Each structure stands twice: as structure tokens, then as C-alpha cells.
Amino acid sequence: MKSSTKVFSKFWFLALAVCLTGCPTTEGLQQPYDASGAAAVAPSFVCGAEGRKEQFMTEAAKLQVAKADAAKLYAISGAESMDVVTGFAPARDRSPTVERALESVAMNPELKAFYVEVDIQNLGGLNAELGHSGADVIFGEMTAITERHIQKLKPDSCSFRHGGDEFSFVVIGPSASQEAIEATLQEADDEIRKYIASQGLSEIPHPKHLDDPSKFGAGIIFGVSPIAGQKAAKDVYGVADKIVESRKSQ
């Protein structure tokens, strides 16, 4: 009987992990009101993937599942999987992270948070020149360069791949500033273009702009959106999207 109960518990946690994988949420991660009840304590910020695992481990502890066993079940479920090309968190973690950032800055006016959307310029050209596997290697290096520059900033950051040629970051901390983020992204683009040149790819044509040499090669195009003052994640994305699309047309 005990054996059956143990097996049932394991399968129950596998089901919970799958739910967390497909249905990310910040519910259960809210911090309680302070002891005086006068004001809510601002939640500590975590990235979406970390939040999912934290929620799972919390529920496991409530049901008296050993921490090591819960961690194994979480890993078996595939909930910890990252994008294979970039090593970034998958798209499902982006919105919960942005929503948590919205909540954090609303409760702590001194906290600054920004959403960064990045497009790979001319991924189609890289695919045509190198094939998808070869282009993935270049893509991975371009995202790694960008992330290194973002991580040089003092504020915390979370990284996501949310589309075929798109990846993104949430940058959050008291010292975060749009000017510093845009400056470091420009430095990243400069380094990326030097890397592209070192690979002999500076002259590969853009399939959609065959007559425009300024579009040849590869780099990044980015847009930075302040998170404070926005109502929802879709509003944050909309600001960054418009900047990216405007820069694509230049």
C-alpha cells in the first residue's frame, strides 16, 4: 500500500511539473503583507524559469516530498529545459517574468526595469549561406556576445529566446537605465559585426534586400522598453516591437 502511495505521489508531481512547464504563473510567489499589515512587501524578483521551479519545490515541501526527490522529478519532467541554440530560457518564461517585473516596479518606485527585444539581422542570409545547422552556430555566438554585454551591467537580467530570429532580456535593478542598456547593446552589435567579419560573412546578401549592400552581413537590431508605467506585458512588448520595426526600415 505504501509503495502504491509513493508511486502515485511521484506521478502526481510529474503532472504538476508538466503543468508548470506549459502554464507558467507567478501565483504562489507573491510576498505576504508585512507584520503591521500597513503595506505589502515588494516581491523578490526572479526569472520565470526560477519562479516555476520555486513554486514546484514549495508545493513538494507542503506534501512532505524530500527536496532531493522533488528536484529529480522536476528535472525528469523536462521543465528545466532551455533553448538548445542559445541556452536561454524558452518563450513560455518571458511573459511571467515581465509580469513579475511590472509588479515589482509598481510596488517599489526606486526599482527600474526594462524589456529588451533583439532581432538577428539577416538570419535568412546566414541560413542560405551556411544551412540551418551552420547558422545556428553563428546565432548561438551572437546571442552569447549580446548576453555578455547585458551581464556587464550591474542590474540583474533574464534571457529568453522567444522566436526564430528573436531573443530578449528583462533587466531590473535600482541602477538600471535605458541609456546604459542601449549603449551596451550597441557595443554588442559592434563586437558581433567584427565576429561576422572574422567568419568571412560580412558580404552575404540579405534575401529581402539583394540590391542594398547596407543590409548585407549580420548583426543585431534592438528595442528597449521601460517596464514601469505599462499596464501589461503586451504593452511592454508593443513599445519594443515598434522600435525594432522602425530600425529595420532604416
C-alpha atoms as a PDB file:
ATOM      1  CA  MET A   1       0.000   0.000   0.000  1.00  0.00           C
ATOM      2  CA  LYS A   2       2.832   2.359   0.933  1.00  0.00           C
ATOM      3  CA  SER A   3       4.545   1.541  -2.360  1.00  0.00           C
ATOM      4  CA  SER A   4       1.397   2.395  -4.335  1.00  0.00           C
ATOM      5  CA  THR A   5       1.051   5.689  -2.488  1.00  0.00           C
ATOM      6  CA  LYS A   6       4.665   6.562  -3.235  1.00  0.00           C
ATOM      7  CA  VAL A   7       4.248   5.793  -6.942  1.00  0.00           C
ATOM      8  CA  PHE A   8       1.060   7.850  -7.062  1.00  0.00           C
ATOM      9  CA  SER A   9       2.845  10.787  -5.417  1.00  0.00           C
ATOM     10  CA  LYS A  10       5.625  10.662  -7.986  1.00  0.00           C
ATOM     11  CA  PHE A  11       3.217  10.629 -10.891  1.00  0.00           C
ATOM     12  CA  TRP A  12       1.274  13.476  -9.288  1.00  0.00           C
ATOM     13  CA  PHE A  13       4.417  15.581  -9.153  1.00  0.00           C
ATOM     14  CA  LEU A  14       5.292  14.757 -12.738  1.00  0.00           C
ATOM     15  CA  ALA A  15       1.850  16.016 -13.732  1.00  0.00           C
ATOM     16  CA  LEU A  16       2.379  19.170 -11.698  1.00  0.00           C
ATOM     17  CA  ALA A  17       5.741  19.778 -13.342  1.00  0.00           C
ATOM     18  CA  VAL A  18       4.217  19.399 -16.800  1.00  0.00           C
ATOM     19  CA  CYS A  19       1.516  21.881 -15.839  1.00  0.00           C
ATOM     20  CA  LEU A  20       4.159  24.310 -14.639  1.00  0.00           C
ATOM     21  CA  THR A  21       6.040  23.825 -17.895  1.00  0.00           C
ATOM     22  CA  GLY A  22       3.055  24.670 -20.046  1.00  0.00           C
ATOM     23  CA  CYS A  23       1.217  27.047 -17.732  1.00  0.00           C
ATOM     24  CA  PRO A  24       3.776  29.343 -16.088  1.00  0.00           C
ATOM     25  CA  THR A  25       2.394  31.612 -13.406  1.00  0.00           C
ATOM     26  CA  THR A  26       3.575  33.902 -10.669  1.00  0.00           C
ATOM     27  CA  GLU A  27       0.744  32.803  -8.385  1.00  0.00           C
ATOM     28  CA  GLY A  28       2.155  31.496  -5.131  1.00  0.00           C
ATOM     29  CA  LEU A  29       5.245  33.663  -5.466  1.00  0.00           C
ATOM     30  CA  GLN A  30       3.600  36.743  -4.014  1.00  0.00           C
ATOM     31  CA  GLN A  31       5.094  38.025  -0.766  1.00  0.00           C
ATOM     32  CA  PRO A  32       2.683  38.433   2.176  1.00  0.00           C
ATOM     33  CA  TYR A  33       1.690  41.697   3.806  1.00  0.00           C
ATOM     34  CA  ASP A  34       4.197  42.884   6.392  1.00  0.00           C
ATOM     35  CA  ALA A  35       3.618  42.298  10.085  1.00  0.00           C
ATOM     36  CA  SER A  36       1.864  45.610  10.613  1.00  0.00           C
ATOM     37  CA  GLY A  37      -0.500  44.936   7.719  1.00  0.00           C
ATOM     38  CA  ALA A  38       0.038  48.513   6.541  1.00  0.00           C
ATOM     39  CA  ALA A  39       1.604  47.741   3.184  1.00  0.00           C
ATOM     40  CA  ALA A  40       2.568  44.794   1.040  1.00  0.00           C
ATOM     41  CA  VAL A  41       6.210  43.803   0.901  1.00  0.00           C
ATOM     42  CA  ALA A  42       7.581  44.056  -2.636  1.00  0.00           C
ATOM     43  CA  PRO A  43       8.252  40.560  -4.014  1.00  0.00           C
ATOM     44  CA  SER A  44      11.830  39.491  -4.588  1.00  0.00           C
ATOM     45  CA  PHE A  45      12.436  39.325  -8.319  1.00  0.00           C
ATOM     46  CA  VAL A  46      13.104  36.006 -10.012  1.00  0.00           C
ATOM     47  CA  CYS A  47      13.188  34.977 -13.656  1.00  0.00           C
ATOM     48  CA  GLY A  48      10.311  32.884 -14.957  1.00  0.00           C
ATOM     49  CA  ALA A  49      12.193  29.577 -15.012  1.00  0.00           C
ATOM     50  CA  GLU A  50      13.418  30.082 -11.469  1.00  0.00           C
ATOM     51  CA  GLY A  51       9.909  31.019 -10.377  1.00  0.00           C
ATOM     52  CA  ARG A  52       8.440  27.835 -11.843  1.00  0.00           C
ATOM     53  CA  LYS A  53      10.956  25.702 -10.004  1.00  0.00           C
ATOM     54  CA  GLU A  54      10.457  27.632  -6.777  1.00  0.00           C
ATOM     55  CA  GLN A  55       6.705  27.058  -6.995  1.00  0.00           C
ATOM     56  CA  PHE A  56       7.154  23.340  -7.649  1.00  0.00           C
ATOM     57  CA  MET A  57       9.574  22.879  -4.753  1.00  0.00           C
ATOM     58  CA  THR A  58       7.260  24.800  -2.425  1.00  0.00           C
ATOM     59  CA  GLU A  59       4.322  22.542  -3.301  1.00  0.00           C
ATOM     60  CA  ALA A  60       6.533  19.468  -2.899  1.00  0.00           C
ATOM     61  CA  ALA A  61       7.566  20.569   0.582  1.00  0.00           C
ATOM     62  CA  LYS A  62       3.938  21.053   1.584  1.00  0.00           C
ATOM     63  CA  LEU A  63       3.285  17.417   0.664  1.00  0.00           C
ATOM     64  CA  GLN A  64       6.381  16.280   2.554  1.00  0.00           C
ATOM     65  CA  VAL A  65       8.289  15.122  -0.515  1.00  0.00           C
ATOM     66  CA  ALA A  66      12.033  15.136   0.099  1.00  0.00           C
ATOM     67  CA  LYS A  67      13.787  18.060  -1.576  1.00  0.00           C
ATOM     68  CA  ALA A  68      16.172  15.801  -3.495  1.00  0.00           C
ATOM     69  CA  ASP A  69      13.301  13.639  -4.798  1.00  0.00           C
ATOM     70  CA  ALA A  70      11.293  16.702  -5.847  1.00  0.00           C
ATOM     71  CA  ALA A  71      14.309  18.097  -7.691  1.00  0.00           C
ATOM     72  CA  LYS A  72      14.741  14.792  -9.559  1.00  0.00           C
ATOM     73  CA  LEU A  73      11.073  14.732 -10.568  1.00  0.00           C
ATOM     74  CA  TYR A  74      11.272  18.324 -11.763  1.00  0.00           C
ATOM     75  CA  ALA A  75      14.310  17.511 -13.897  1.00  0.00           C
ATOM     76  CA  ILE A  76      12.694  14.345 -15.314  1.00  0.00           C
ATOM     77  CA  SER A  77       9.640  16.353 -16.382  1.00  0.00           C
ATOM     78  CA  GLY A  78      11.748  18.471 -18.742  1.00  0.00           C
ATOM     79  CA  ALA A  79      10.635  21.663 -17.025  1.00  0.00           C
ATOM     80  CA  GLU A  80      14.251  22.823 -16.753  1.00  0.00           C
ATOM     81  CA  SER A  81      14.919  22.569 -20.487  1.00  0.00           C
ATOM     82  CA  MET A  82      16.433  25.598 -22.208  1.00  0.00           C
ATOM     83  CA  ASP A  83      16.628  26.634 -25.850  1.00  0.00           C
ATOM     84  CA  VAL A  84      19.188  24.341 -27.491  1.00  0.00           C
ATOM     85  CA  VAL A  85      20.772  27.028 -29.702  1.00  0.00           C
ATOM     86  CA  THR A  86      21.142  29.896 -27.244  1.00  0.00           C
ATOM     87  CA  GLY A  87      20.918  28.276 -23.824  1.00  0.00           C
ATOM     88  CA  PHE A  88      18.322  30.919 -22.966  1.00  0.00           C
ATOM     89  CA  ALA A  89      15.009  30.290 -21.235  1.00  0.00           C
ATOM     90  CA  PRO A  90      12.187  29.323 -23.623  1.00  0.00           C
ATOM     91  CA  ALA A  91       9.405  31.646 -24.749  1.00  0.00           C
ATOM     92  CA  ARG A  92       6.977  30.378 -22.092  1.00  0.00           C
ATOM     93  CA  ASP A  93       9.048  32.064 -19.368  1.00  0.00           C
ATOM     94  CA  ARG A  94       9.076  35.513 -20.947  1.00  0.00           C
ATOM     95  CA  SER A  95       5.622  36.798 -20.027  1.00  0.00           C
ATOM     96  CA  PRO A  96       5.640  35.587 -16.390  1.00  0.00           C
ATOM     97  CA  THR A  97       8.987  37.348 -15.950  1.00  0.00           C
ATOM     98  CA  VAL A  98       7.764  40.610 -17.480  1.00  0.00           C
ATOM     99  CA  GLU A  99       4.579  40.441 -15.397  1.00  0.00           C
ATOM    100  CA  ARG A 100       6.606  39.943 -12.242  1.00  0.00           C
ATOM    101  CA  ALA A 101       8.808  42.901 -13.198  1.00  0.00           C
ATOM    102  CA  LEU A 102       5.670  45.017 -13.688  1.00  0.00           C
ATOM    103  CA  GLU A 103       4.534  44.059 -10.201  1.00  0.00           C
ATOM    104  CA  SER A 104       7.953  44.682  -8.666  1.00  0.00           C
ATOM    105  CA  VAL A 105       8.379  48.211 -10.046  1.00  0.00           C
ATOM    106  CA  ALA A 106       4.789  49.097  -9.132  1.00  0.00           C
ATOM    107  CA  MET A 107       5.474  48.169  -5.502  1.00  0.00           C
ATOM    108  CA  ASN A 108       8.963  49.683  -5.368  1.00  0.00           C
ATOM    109  CA  PRO A 109       9.265  53.031  -7.224  1.00  0.00           C
ATOM    110  CA  GLU A 110      13.046  53.048  -6.723  1.00  0.00           C
ATOM    111  CA  LEU A 111      13.376  49.877  -8.788  1.00  0.00           C
ATOM    112  CA  LYS A 112      13.987  50.310 -12.529  1.00  0.00           C
ATOM    113  CA  ALA A 113      13.158  47.632 -15.084  1.00  0.00           C
ATOM    114  CA  PHE A 114      13.432  47.385 -18.873  1.00  0.00           C
ATOM    115  CA  TYR A 115      12.482  44.894 -21.536  1.00  0.00           C
ATOM    116  CA  VAL A 116      14.955  44.405 -24.379  1.00  0.00           C
ATOM    117  CA  GLU A 117      13.908  42.848 -27.681  1.00  0.00           C
ATOM    118  CA  VAL A 118      16.607  41.804 -30.125  1.00  0.00           C
ATOM    119  CA  ASP A 119      16.321  40.594 -33.714  1.00  0.00           C
ATOM    120  CA  ILE A 120      19.099  38.927 -35.661  1.00  0.00           C
ATOM    121  CA  GLN A 121      19.633  40.951 -38.817  1.00  0.00           C
ATOM    122  CA  ASN A 122      19.767  38.677 -41.866  1.00  0.00           C
ATOM    123  CA  LEU A 123      19.289  35.248 -40.305  1.00  0.00           C
ATOM    124  CA  GLY A 124      17.794  34.271 -43.662  1.00  0.00           C
ATOM    125  CA  GLY A 125      21.090  35.129 -45.341  1.00  0.00           C
ATOM    126  CA  LEU A 126      23.014  33.068 -42.798  1.00  0.00           C
ATOM    127  CA  ASN A 127      20.701  30.095 -43.387  1.00  0.00           C
ATOM    128  CA  ALA A 128      21.128  30.405 -47.156  1.00  0.00           C
ATOM    129  CA  GLU A 129      24.909  30.614 -46.850  1.00  0.00           C
ATOM    130  CA  LEU A 130      25.572  28.056 -44.117  1.00  0.00           C
ATOM    131  CA  GLY A 131      22.465  25.896 -43.822  1.00  0.00           C
ATOM    132  CA  HIS A 132      20.413  25.825 -40.643  1.00  0.00           C
ATOM    133  CA  SER A 133      22.965  23.933 -38.561  1.00  0.00           C
ATOM    134  CA  GLY A 134      25.787  26.267 -39.535  1.00  0.00           C
ATOM    135  CA  ALA A 135      23.614  29.328 -38.996  1.00  0.00           C
ATOM    136  CA  ASP A 136      22.667  28.033 -35.537  1.00  0.00           C
ATOM    137  CA  VAL A 137      26.340  28.085 -34.542  1.00  0.00           C
ATOM    138  CA  ILE A 138      26.624  31.733 -35.609  1.00  0.00           C
ATOM    139  CA  PHE A 139      23.288  32.559 -33.964  1.00  0.00           C
ATOM    140  CA  GLY A 140      24.476  30.999 -30.704  1.00  0.00           C
ATOM    141  CA  GLU A 141      27.659  33.066 -30.701  1.00  0.00           C
ATOM    142  CA  MET A 142      25.761  36.271 -31.491  1.00  0.00           C
ATOM    143  CA  THR A 143      23.375  35.724 -28.590  1.00  0.00           C
ATOM    144  CA  ALA A 144      26.262  34.842 -26.267  1.00  0.00           C
ATOM    145  CA  ILE A 145      28.041  38.089 -27.141  1.00  0.00           C
ATOM    146  CA  THR A 146      24.861  40.073 -26.520  1.00  0.00           C
ATOM    147  CA  GLU A 147      24.218  38.374 -23.181  1.00  0.00           C
ATOM    148  CA  ARG A 148      27.798  39.004 -22.023  1.00  0.00           C
ATOM    149  CA  HIS A 149      27.347  42.714 -22.650  1.00  0.00           C
ATOM    150  CA  ILE A 150      23.998  42.773 -20.847  1.00  0.00           C
ATOM    151  CA  GLN A 151      25.524  40.956 -17.881  1.00  0.00           C
ATOM    152  CA  LYS A 152      28.275  43.566 -17.600  1.00  0.00           C
ATOM    153  CA  LEU A 153      25.597  45.931 -16.314  1.00  0.00           C
ATOM    154  CA  LYS A 154      25.078  45.958 -12.533  1.00  0.00           C
ATOM    155  CA  PRO A 155      21.316  45.175 -12.605  1.00  0.00           C
ATOM    156  CA  ASP A 156      20.047  41.587 -12.740  1.00  0.00           C
ATOM    157  CA  SER A 157      18.886  40.167 -16.047  1.00  0.00           C
ATOM    158  CA  CYS A 158      16.910  37.260 -17.509  1.00  0.00           C
ATOM    159  CA  SER A 159      17.417  35.923 -21.050  1.00  0.00           C
ATOM    160  CA  PHE A 160      14.839  34.371 -23.423  1.00  0.00           C
ATOM    161  CA  ARG A 161      14.567  33.081 -26.964  1.00  0.00           C
ATOM    162  CA  HIS A 162      11.002  33.811 -27.988  1.00  0.00           C
ATOM    163  CA  GLY A 163      11.090  33.497 -31.794  1.00  0.00           C
ATOM    164  CA  GLY A 164      13.011  32.147 -34.761  1.00  0.00           C
ATOM    165  CA  ASP A 165      15.336  35.142 -35.027  1.00  0.00           C
ATOM    166  CA  GLU A 166      14.272  36.918 -31.843  1.00  0.00           C
ATOM    167  CA  PHE A 167      15.571  36.875 -28.297  1.00  0.00           C
ATOM    168  CA  SER A 168      15.026  39.153 -25.344  1.00  0.00           C
ATOM    169  CA  PHE A 169      16.075  40.231 -21.879  1.00  0.00           C
ATOM    170  CA  VAL A 170      14.496  41.689 -18.773  1.00  0.00           C
ATOM    171  CA  VAL A 171      16.925  43.997 -16.965  1.00  0.00           C
ATOM    172  CA  ILE A 172      15.968  45.067 -13.452  1.00  0.00           C
ATOM    173  CA  GLY A 173      17.629  46.891 -10.560  1.00  0.00           C
ATOM    174  CA  PRO A 174      17.841  50.287  -8.850  1.00  0.00           C
ATOM    175  CA  SER A 175      20.695  51.382 -11.142  1.00  0.00           C
ATOM    176  CA  ALA A 176      19.166  50.187 -14.426  1.00  0.00           C
ATOM    177  CA  SER A 177      18.892  52.850 -17.129  1.00  0.00           C
ATOM    178  CA  GLN A 178      17.748  52.841 -20.726  1.00  0.00           C
ATOM    179  CA  GLU A 179      20.802  54.821 -21.802  1.00  0.00           C
ATOM    180  CA  ALA A 180      23.235  52.281 -20.316  1.00  0.00           C
ATOM    181  CA  ILE A 181      21.343  49.337 -21.817  1.00  0.00           C
ATOM    182  CA  GLU A 182      21.261  50.871 -25.292  1.00  0.00           C
ATOM    183  CA  ALA A 183      24.951  51.742 -25.074  1.00  0.00           C
ATOM    184  CA  THR A 184      25.943  48.207 -24.117  1.00  0.00           C
ATOM    185  CA  LEU A 185      23.748  46.762 -26.888  1.00  0.00           C
ATOM    186  CA  GLN A 186      25.479  48.995 -29.417  1.00  0.00           C
ATOM    187  CA  GLU A 187      28.808  47.707 -28.129  1.00  0.00           C
ATOM    188  CA  ALA A 188      27.471  44.170 -28.529  1.00  0.00           C
ATOM    189  CA  ASP A 189      26.458  44.880 -32.124  1.00  0.00           C
ATOM    190  CA  ASP A 190      29.932  46.269 -32.871  1.00  0.00           C
ATOM    191  CA  GLU A 191      31.555  43.119 -31.459  1.00  0.00           C
ATOM    192  CA  ILE A 192      29.117  40.894 -33.341  1.00  0.00           C
ATOM    193  CA  ARG A 193      29.902  42.568 -36.664  1.00  0.00           C
ATOM    194  CA  LYS A 194      33.612  42.069 -36.043  1.00  0.00           C
ATOM    195  CA  TYR A 195      32.894  38.405 -35.307  1.00  0.00           C
ATOM    196  CA  ILE A 196      30.835  38.106 -38.504  1.00  0.00           C
ATOM    197  CA  ALA A 197      33.713  39.627 -40.469  1.00  0.00           C
ATOM    198  CA  SER A 198      36.156  37.145 -38.895  1.00  0.00           C
ATOM    199  CA  GLN A 199      33.943  34.335 -40.198  1.00  0.00           C
ATOM    200  CA  GLY A 200      34.000  35.754 -43.741  1.00  0.00           C
ATOM    201  CA  LEU A 201      30.278  36.553 -43.641  1.00  0.00           C
ATOM    202  CA  SER A 202      30.214  40.346 -43.909  1.00  0.00           C
ATOM    203  CA  GLU A 203      29.182  40.294 -47.550  1.00  0.00           C
ATOM    204  CA  ILE A 204      26.424  37.683 -47.518  1.00  0.00           C
ATOM    205  CA  PRO A 205      23.332  39.223 -49.150  1.00  0.00           C
ATOM    206  CA  HIS A 206      20.005  39.743 -47.408  1.00  0.00           C
ATOM    207  CA  PRO A 207      17.323  37.710 -49.256  1.00  0.00           C
ATOM    208  CA  LYS A 208      14.834  40.574 -48.939  1.00  0.00           C
ATOM    209  CA  HIS A 209      17.314  43.335 -49.831  1.00  0.00           C
ATOM    210  CA  LEU A 210      19.514  41.933 -52.576  1.00  0.00           C
ATOM    211  CA  ASP A 211      20.182  45.398 -54.018  1.00  0.00           C
ATOM    212  CA  ASP A 212      21.070  47.036 -50.689  1.00  0.00           C
ATOM    213  CA  PRO A 213      24.653  46.309 -49.523  1.00  0.00           C
ATOM    214  CA  SER A 214      23.939  48.100 -46.225  1.00  0.00           C
ATOM    215  CA  LYS A 215      21.774  45.101 -45.290  1.00  0.00           C
ATOM    216  CA  PHE A 216      24.486  42.539 -46.085  1.00  0.00           C
ATOM    217  CA  GLY A 217      26.308  40.587 -43.390  1.00  0.00           C
ATOM    218  CA  ALA A 218      24.659  40.136 -39.983  1.00  0.00           C
ATOM    219  CA  GLY A 219      24.187  41.984 -36.736  1.00  0.00           C
ATOM    220  CA  ILE A 220      21.507  42.760 -34.187  1.00  0.00           C
ATOM    221  CA  ILE A 221      18.605  45.191 -34.173  1.00  0.00           C
ATOM    222  CA  PHE A 222      17.204  46.057 -30.762  1.00  0.00           C
ATOM    223  CA  GLY A 223      14.491  47.971 -28.967  1.00  0.00           C
ATOM    224  CA  VAL A 224      14.358  48.870 -25.276  1.00  0.00           C
ATOM    225  CA  SER A 225      11.066  49.422 -23.473  1.00  0.00           C
ATOM    226  CA  PRO A 226      10.681  50.787 -19.929  1.00  0.00           C
ATOM    227  CA  ILE A 227       8.522  48.415 -17.886  1.00  0.00           C
ATOM    228  CA  ALA A 228       7.384  50.955 -15.298  1.00  0.00           C
ATOM    229  CA  GLY A 229       4.137  52.687 -16.247  1.00  0.00           C
ATOM    230  CA  GLN A 230       2.925  49.915 -18.558  1.00  0.00           C
ATOM    231  CA  LYS A 231      -0.290  48.057 -17.753  1.00  0.00           C
ATOM    232  CA  ALA A 232       0.518  44.598 -19.092  1.00  0.00           C
ATOM    233  CA  ALA A 233       3.228  42.540 -20.765  1.00  0.00           C
ATOM    234  CA  LYS A 234       1.670  43.083 -24.194  1.00  0.00           C
ATOM    235  CA  ASP A 235       2.061  46.837 -23.762  1.00  0.00           C
ATOM    236  CA  VAL A 236       5.740  46.400 -22.897  1.00  0.00           C
ATOM    237  CA  TYR A 237       6.258  44.249 -25.989  1.00  0.00           C
ATOM    238  CA  GLY A 238       4.422  46.739 -28.177  1.00  0.00           C
ATOM    239  CA  VAL A 239       6.834  49.566 -27.370  1.00  0.00           C
ATOM    240  CA  ALA A 240       9.930  47.456 -28.075  1.00  0.00           C
ATOM    241  CA  ASP A 241       8.384  45.955 -31.228  1.00  0.00           C
ATOM    242  CA  LYS A 242       7.758  49.399 -32.724  1.00  0.00           C
ATOM    243  CA  ILE A 243      11.363  50.448 -32.112  1.00  0.00           C
ATOM    244  CA  VAL A 244      12.721  47.279 -33.711  1.00  0.00           C
ATOM    245  CA  GLU A 245      10.459  47.567 -36.760  1.00  0.00           C
ATOM    246  CA  SER A 246      11.384  51.237 -37.182  1.00  0.00           C
ATOM    247  CA  ARG A 247      15.097  50.416 -37.107  1.00  0.00           C
ATOM    248  CA  LYS A 248      14.624  47.561 -39.580  1.00  0.00           C
ATOM    249  CA  SER A 249      13.238  50.015 -42.115  1.00  0.00           C
ATOM    250  CA  GLN A 250      16.173  52.424 -41.811  1.00  0.00           C
END
